[in-house]
Amino acid sequence: MRAIFVMIKCDMGQAYRVAREMADTVEELSEMHSVSGQYDLLGKFYLEPGRDIGLFVVEKIQTVPGVKDTYTLQTFNAFSGARA
């Protein structure tokens, strides 16, 4: 599995509704965060190797009512801090 992050801009007043709908309907969603700045939401999604990222975003994310714009970040490696 590989992670991608999608920043999502929503129609005014729709961010929480969009987040709830994606949490309920997009099985690839790992985490959804409300954020400040140019975008309203930041989603972390896990996709199977070889899965077309662009097609996933266009068909699964951009089609959710209330989604206005997206910006996708592809990840390469994950790092974590030392645990005590």
C-alpha atoms as a PDB file:
ATOM      1  CA  MET A   1       0.000   0.000   0.000  1.00  0.00           C
ATOM      2  CA  ARG A   2       1.197   3.506  -0.675  1.00  0.00           C
ATOM      3  CA  ALA A   3      -0.053   6.712   0.847  1.00  0.00           C
ATOM      4  CA  ILE A   4      -1.130   9.824  -0.975  1.00  0.00           C
ATOM      5  CA  PHE A   5      -2.256  13.075   0.579  1.00  0.00           C
ATOM      6  CA  VAL A   6      -5.007  15.129  -1.031  1.00  0.00           C
ATOM      7  CA  MET A   7      -5.635  18.730  -0.066  1.00  0.00           C
ATOM      8  CA  ILE A   8      -9.283  19.567  -0.695  1.00  0.00           C
ATOM      9  CA  LYS A   9     -10.913  22.960  -1.192  1.00  0.00           C
ATOM     10  CA  CYS A  10     -14.652  22.907  -0.532  1.00  0.00           C
ATOM     11  CA  ASP A  11     -17.585  25.110  -1.385  1.00  0.00           C
ATOM     12  CA  MET A  12     -18.282  27.631   1.379  1.00  0.00           C
ATOM     13  CA  GLY A  13     -19.789  25.973   4.446  1.00  0.00           C
ATOM     14  CA  GLN A  14     -19.352  22.416   3.123  1.00  0.00           C
ATOM     15  CA  ALA A  15     -16.030  21.226   4.583  1.00  0.00           C
ATOM     16  CA  TYR A  16     -17.431  19.209   7.492  1.00  0.00           C
ATOM     17  CA  ARG A  17     -20.164  17.655   5.351  1.00  0.00           C
ATOM     18  CA  VAL A  18     -17.570  16.692   2.706  1.00  0.00           C
ATOM     19  CA  ALA A  19     -15.288  15.204   5.375  1.00  0.00           C
ATOM     20  CA  ARG A  20     -18.142  13.155   6.872  1.00  0.00           C
ATOM     21  CA  GLU A  21     -19.259  11.882   3.467  1.00  0.00           C
ATOM     22  CA  MET A  22     -15.727  10.796   2.527  1.00  0.00           C
ATOM     23  CA  ALA A  23     -15.250   9.113   5.916  1.00  0.00           C
ATOM     24  CA  ASP A  24     -18.456   7.151   5.277  1.00  0.00           C
ATOM     25  CA  THR A  25     -17.955   6.277   1.609  1.00  0.00           C
ATOM     26  CA  VAL A  26     -14.271   6.256   0.563  1.00  0.00           C
ATOM     27  CA  GLU A  27     -12.729   3.034   1.860  1.00  0.00           C
ATOM     28  CA  GLU A  28      -9.198   4.142   0.918  1.00  0.00           C
ATOM     29  CA  LEU A  29      -9.397   7.034   3.404  1.00  0.00           C
ATOM     30  CA  SER A  30      -7.120   6.619   6.419  1.00  0.00           C
ATOM     31  CA  GLU A  31      -7.421  10.075   7.997  1.00  0.00           C
ATOM     32  CA  MET A  32      -9.201  13.339   7.235  1.00  0.00           C
ATOM     33  CA  HIS A  33      -8.165  16.583   8.927  1.00  0.00           C
ATOM     34  CA  SER A  34      -9.701  20.030   8.779  1.00  0.00           C
ATOM     35  CA  VAL A  35      -6.921  22.556   8.133  1.00  0.00           C
ATOM     36  CA  SER A  36      -6.445  26.290   7.823  1.00  0.00           C
ATOM     37  CA  GLY A  37      -5.083  28.099   4.801  1.00  0.00           C
ATOM     38  CA  GLN A  38      -5.782  27.795   1.103  1.00  0.00           C
ATOM     39  CA  TYR A  39      -7.436  24.359   1.485  1.00  0.00           C
ATOM     40  CA  ASP A  40     -10.119  23.179   3.907  1.00  0.00           C
ATOM     41  CA  LEU A  41      -9.311  19.482   4.325  1.00  0.00           C
ATOM     42  CA  LEU A  42      -6.266  17.218   4.183  1.00  0.00           C
ATOM     43  CA  GLY A  43      -6.943  13.562   3.500  1.00  0.00           C
ATOM     44  CA  LYS A  44      -4.555  10.626   3.750  1.00  0.00           C
ATOM     45  CA  PHE A  45      -5.454   7.751   1.457  1.00  0.00           C
ATOM     46  CA  TYR A  46      -3.836   4.343   0.992  1.00  0.00           C
ATOM     47  CA  LEU A  47      -3.856   2.924  -2.533  1.00  0.00           C
ATOM     48  CA  GLU A  48      -2.812  -0.473  -3.830  1.00  0.00           C
ATOM     49  CA  PRO A  49       0.477  -0.519  -5.769  1.00  0.00           C
ATOM     50  CA  GLY A  50      -0.145   0.201  -9.429  1.00  0.00           C
ATOM     51  CA  ARG A  51      -3.454   1.957  -8.797  1.00  0.00           C
ATOM     52  CA  ASP A  52      -3.865   5.052 -10.977  1.00  0.00           C
ATOM     53  CA  ILE A  53      -3.652   8.002  -8.576  1.00  0.00           C
ATOM     54  CA  GLY A  54      -5.124  10.501 -11.032  1.00  0.00           C
ATOM     55  CA  LEU A  55      -8.109   8.301 -11.795  1.00  0.00           C
ATOM     56  CA  PHE A  56      -8.702   7.701  -8.073  1.00  0.00           C
ATOM     57  CA  VAL A  57      -8.698  11.427  -7.310  1.00  0.00           C
ATOM     58  CA  VAL A  58     -10.895  12.315 -10.292  1.00  0.00           C
ATOM     59  CA  GLU A  59     -13.452   9.552  -9.735  1.00  0.00           C
ATOM     60  CA  LYS A  60     -13.526   9.184  -5.921  1.00  0.00           C
ATOM     61  CA  ILE A  61     -12.581  12.589  -4.510  1.00  0.00           C
ATOM     62  CA  GLN A  62     -13.514  15.248  -7.043  1.00  0.00           C
ATOM     63  CA  THR A  63     -16.983  13.778  -7.571  1.00  0.00           C
ATOM     64  CA  VAL A  64     -18.032  14.241  -3.927  1.00  0.00           C
ATOM     65  CA  PRO A  65     -20.586  17.082  -3.837  1.00  0.00           C
ATOM     66  CA  GLY A  66     -19.063  20.202  -2.298  1.00  0.00           C
ATOM     67  CA  VAL A  67     -15.492  19.531  -3.480  1.00  0.00           C
ATOM     68  CA  LYS A  68     -14.264  22.580  -5.385  1.00  0.00           C
ATOM     69  CA  ASP A  69     -10.558  21.838  -5.991  1.00  0.00           C
ATOM     70  CA  THR A  70      -7.879  19.313  -5.056  1.00  0.00           C
ATOM     71  CA  TYR A  71      -4.095  19.208  -4.815  1.00  0.00           C
ATOM     72  CA  THR A  72      -2.483  15.762  -4.632  1.00  0.00           C
ATOM     73  CA  LEU A  73       0.843  14.854  -3.030  1.00  0.00           C
ATOM     74  CA  GLN A  74       2.412  11.479  -3.763  1.00  0.00           C
ATOM     75  CA  THR A  75       4.599  10.034  -1.018  1.00  0.00           C
ATOM     76  CA  PHE A  76       7.782   7.994  -1.328  1.00  0.00           C
ATOM     77  CA  ASN A  77       8.957   7.018   2.178  1.00  0.00           C
ATOM     78  CA  ALA A  78       7.505   7.328   5.671  1.00  0.00           C
ATOM     79  CA  PHE A  79       9.667   8.155   8.667  1.00  0.00           C
ATOM     80  CA  SER A  80       8.776   8.104  12.339  1.00  0.00           C
ATOM     81  CA  GLY A  81      10.480   9.202  15.534  1.00  0.00           C
ATOM     82  CA  ALA A  82      12.137   6.926  18.042  1.00  0.00           C
ATOM     83  CA  ARG A  83       9.818   5.445  20.614  1.00  0.00           C
ATOM     84  CA  ALA A  84      10.762   5.105  24.283  1.00  0.00           C
END
